[in-house]
């Protein structure tokens, strides 16, 4: 199993990891329902599931 011959310093290790940053998620607004959601994902509106502006699963609440 490979392992380093010398210890890599914390600053050198952290320089390598600087490229991984938290990004804010992109959001879009549905033209059908007006809901704000992440694109290319299904989203809930009043218990119903929508995808691509179309109703996928209707709310089937037991009354």
N, C-alpha and C. Protein backbone atom coordinates (compact mmCIF):
# COMPACT_ATOMS: atom_id res chain seq x y z
N UNK A 1 0.84 -1.17 0.00
CA UNK A 1 0.00 0.00 0.00
C UNK A 1 0.89 1.24 0.00
N UNK A 2 0.59 2.18 -0.89
CA UNK A 2 1.41 3.38 -1.02
C UNK A 2 1.13 4.37 0.10
N UNK A 3 2.17 5.01 0.56
CA UNK A 3 2.02 6.07 1.55
C UNK A 3 3.15 7.07 1.34
N UNK A 4 2.93 8.34 1.73
CA UNK A 4 3.94 9.36 1.47
C UNK A 4 5.19 9.16 2.32
N UNK A 5 6.32 9.50 1.71
CA UNK A 5 7.59 9.38 2.43
C UNK A 5 7.74 10.52 3.45
N UNK A 6 7.23 11.69 3.11
CA UNK A 6 7.29 12.84 4.00
C UNK A 6 5.88 13.37 4.26
N UNK A 7 5.69 13.96 5.43
CA UNK A 7 4.40 14.52 5.78
C UNK A 7 4.10 15.74 4.91
N UNK A 8 2.89 15.79 4.37
CA UNK A 8 2.47 16.95 3.60
C UNK A 8 1.91 17.96 4.59
N UNK A 9 2.40 19.20 4.51
CA UNK A 9 2.00 20.22 5.47
C UNK A 9 0.53 20.57 5.30
N UNK A 10 -0.04 21.15 6.35
CA UNK A 10 -1.46 21.52 6.32
C UNK A 10 -1.73 22.58 5.26
N UNK A 11 -0.82 23.53 5.11
CA UNK A 11 -1.04 24.58 4.12
C UNK A 11 -0.99 24.02 2.70
N UNK A 12 -0.09 23.08 2.46
CA UNK A 12 0.00 22.46 1.13
C UNK A 12 -1.25 21.62 0.84
N UNK A 13 -1.71 20.89 1.84
CA UNK A 13 -2.93 20.10 1.69
C UNK A 13 -4.13 20.99 1.43
N UNK A 14 -4.24 22.10 2.18
CA UNK A 14 -5.37 23.00 2.05
C UNK A 14 -5.36 23.76 0.73
N UNK A 15 -4.18 24.01 0.18
CA UNK A 15 -4.10 24.66 -1.13
C UNK A 15 -4.71 23.78 -2.21
N UNK A 16 -4.53 22.50 -2.08
CA UNK A 16 -5.08 21.56 -3.05
C UNK A 16 -6.60 21.49 -2.95
N UNK A 17 -7.14 21.70 -1.76
CA UNK A 17 -8.57 21.57 -1.54
C UNK A 17 -9.36 22.87 -1.75
N UNK A 18 -8.69 23.94 -2.15
CA UNK A 18 -9.39 25.23 -2.27
C UNK A 18 -10.38 25.26 -3.42
N UNK A 19 -10.30 24.35 -4.36
CA UNK A 19 -11.17 24.38 -5.52
C UNK A 19 -12.56 23.84 -5.22
N UNK A 20 -12.73 23.15 -4.10
CA UNK A 20 -14.03 22.60 -3.75
C UNK A 20 -14.76 23.64 -2.91
N UNK A 21 -15.73 24.31 -3.52
CA UNK A 21 -16.45 25.37 -2.83
C UNK A 21 -17.94 25.09 -2.84
N UNK A 22 -18.61 25.55 -1.83
CA UNK A 22 -20.07 25.42 -1.79
C UNK A 22 -20.67 26.44 -2.76
N UNK A 23 -21.60 25.98 -3.58
CA UNK A 23 -22.25 26.86 -4.53
C UNK A 23 -23.73 26.96 -4.22
N UNK A 24 -24.31 28.10 -4.50
CA UNK A 24 -25.74 28.26 -4.30
C UNK A 24 -26.48 27.50 -5.41
N UNK A 25 -27.53 26.79 -5.07
CA UNK A 25 -28.24 26.03 -6.10
C UNK A 25 -28.97 26.95 -7.07
N UNK A 26 -29.00 26.55 -8.34
CA UNK A 26 -29.74 27.34 -9.32
C UNK A 26 -31.22 27.05 -9.17
N UNK A 27 -32.04 28.07 -9.26
CA UNK A 27 -33.48 27.93 -9.08
C UNK A 27 -34.20 28.45 -10.32
N UNK A 28 -35.36 27.86 -10.60
CA UNK A 28 -36.18 28.33 -11.71
C UNK A 28 -37.63 28.40 -11.23
N UNK A 29 -38.43 29.17 -11.95
CA UNK A 29 -39.84 29.34 -11.61
C UNK A 29 -40.68 28.61 -12.64
N UNK A 30 -41.62 27.82 -12.17
CA UNK A 30 -42.52 27.08 -13.05
C UNK A 30 -43.55 28.03 -13.63
N UNK A 31 -43.74 28.00 -14.95
CA UNK A 31 -44.71 28.88 -15.58
C UNK A 31 -46.13 28.41 -15.33
N UNK A 32 -46.31 27.11 -15.08
CA UNK A 32 -47.65 26.57 -14.84
C UNK A 32 -48.14 26.87 -13.43
N UNK A 33 -47.31 26.54 -12.41
CA UNK A 33 -47.74 26.67 -11.02
C UNK A 33 -47.17 27.91 -10.33
N UNK A 34 -46.11 28.47 -10.84
CA UNK A 34 -45.47 29.62 -10.22
C UNK A 34 -44.57 29.25 -9.06
N UNK A 35 -44.31 27.95 -8.88
CA UNK A 35 -43.47 27.48 -7.77
C UNK A 35 -42.00 27.63 -8.13
N UNK A 36 -41.20 27.94 -7.14
CA UNK A 36 -39.76 28.03 -7.32
C UNK A 36 -39.17 26.67 -6.98
N UNK A 37 -38.33 26.13 -7.87
CA UNK A 37 -37.77 24.79 -7.68
C UNK A 37 -36.43 24.69 -8.39
N UNK A 38 -35.70 23.61 -8.10
CA UNK A 38 -34.46 23.36 -8.81
C UNK A 38 -34.77 22.75 -10.17
N UNK A 39 -34.09 23.17 -11.22
CA UNK A 39 -34.41 22.64 -12.55
C UNK A 39 -34.07 21.16 -12.68
N UNK A 40 -34.79 20.48 -13.54
CA UNK A 40 -34.60 19.05 -13.83
C UNK A 40 -34.87 18.17 -12.62
N UNK A 41 -35.74 18.63 -11.72
CA UNK A 41 -36.12 17.86 -10.55
C UNK A 41 -37.63 17.96 -10.37
N UNK A 42 -38.24 16.91 -9.87
CA UNK A 42 -39.67 16.95 -9.55
C UNK A 42 -39.85 17.77 -8.28
N UNK A 43 -41.01 18.43 -8.16
CA UNK A 43 -41.25 19.29 -7.01
C UNK A 43 -42.70 19.21 -6.59
N UNK A 44 -42.95 19.46 -5.28
CA UNK A 44 -44.29 19.38 -4.70
C UNK A 44 -44.97 20.75 -4.73
N UNK A 45 -46.24 20.73 -5.08
CA UNK A 45 -47.10 21.91 -4.97
C UNK A 45 -48.41 21.43 -4.37
N UNK A 46 -48.68 21.81 -3.13
CA UNK A 46 -49.90 21.42 -2.40
C UNK A 46 -50.10 19.90 -2.39
N UNK A 47 -49.03 19.15 -2.23
CA UNK A 47 -49.12 17.70 -2.13
C UNK A 47 -49.10 16.98 -3.46
N UNK A 48 -49.20 17.69 -4.57
CA UNK A 48 -49.13 17.08 -5.89
C UNK A 48 -47.71 17.18 -6.42
N UNK A 49 -47.29 16.20 -7.19
CA UNK A 49 -45.93 16.16 -7.70
C UNK A 49 -45.91 16.62 -9.15
N UNK A 50 -45.08 17.62 -9.44
CA UNK A 50 -44.95 18.17 -10.78
C UNK A 50 -43.54 17.94 -11.29
N UNK A 51 -43.43 17.76 -12.62
CA UNK A 51 -42.12 17.69 -13.26
C UNK A 51 -42.26 18.30 -14.65
N UNK A 52 -41.38 19.21 -14.97
CA UNK A 52 -41.36 19.84 -16.29
C UNK A 52 -42.68 20.58 -16.56
N UNK A 53 -43.30 21.13 -15.51
CA UNK A 53 -44.53 21.88 -15.65
C UNK A 53 -45.77 21.03 -15.80
N UNK A 54 -45.64 19.71 -15.69
CA UNK A 54 -46.78 18.82 -15.87
C UNK A 54 -47.05 18.05 -14.58
N UNK A 55 -48.31 17.78 -14.32
CA UNK A 55 -48.72 17.02 -13.14
C UNK A 55 -48.34 15.56 -13.33
N UNK A 56 -47.56 15.03 -12.40
CA UNK A 56 -47.12 13.64 -12.48
C UNK A 56 -47.97 12.77 -11.57
N UNK A 57 -48.06 13.16 -10.30
CA UNK A 57 -48.86 12.43 -9.33
C UNK A 57 -49.77 13.43 -8.62
N UNK A 58 -51.08 13.17 -8.71
CA UNK A 58 -52.05 14.06 -8.09
C UNK A 58 -52.17 13.73 -6.60
N UNK A 59 -52.49 14.73 -5.82
CA UNK A 59 -52.65 14.56 -4.38
C UNK A 59 -53.80 13.60 -4.11
N UNK A 60 -53.51 12.51 -3.44
CA UNK A 60 -54.54 11.52 -3.12
C UNK A 60 -54.67 11.40 -1.62
N UNK A 61 -55.09 12.49 -0.98
CA UNK A 61 -55.26 12.51 0.46
C UNK A 61 -56.53 11.76 0.85
N UNK A 62 -56.45 10.99 1.91
CA UNK A 62 -57.60 10.25 2.41
C UNK A 62 -58.42 11.18 3.30
N UNK A 63 -59.68 11.38 2.93
CA UNK A 63 -60.54 12.32 3.68
C UNK A 63 -61.39 11.61 4.70
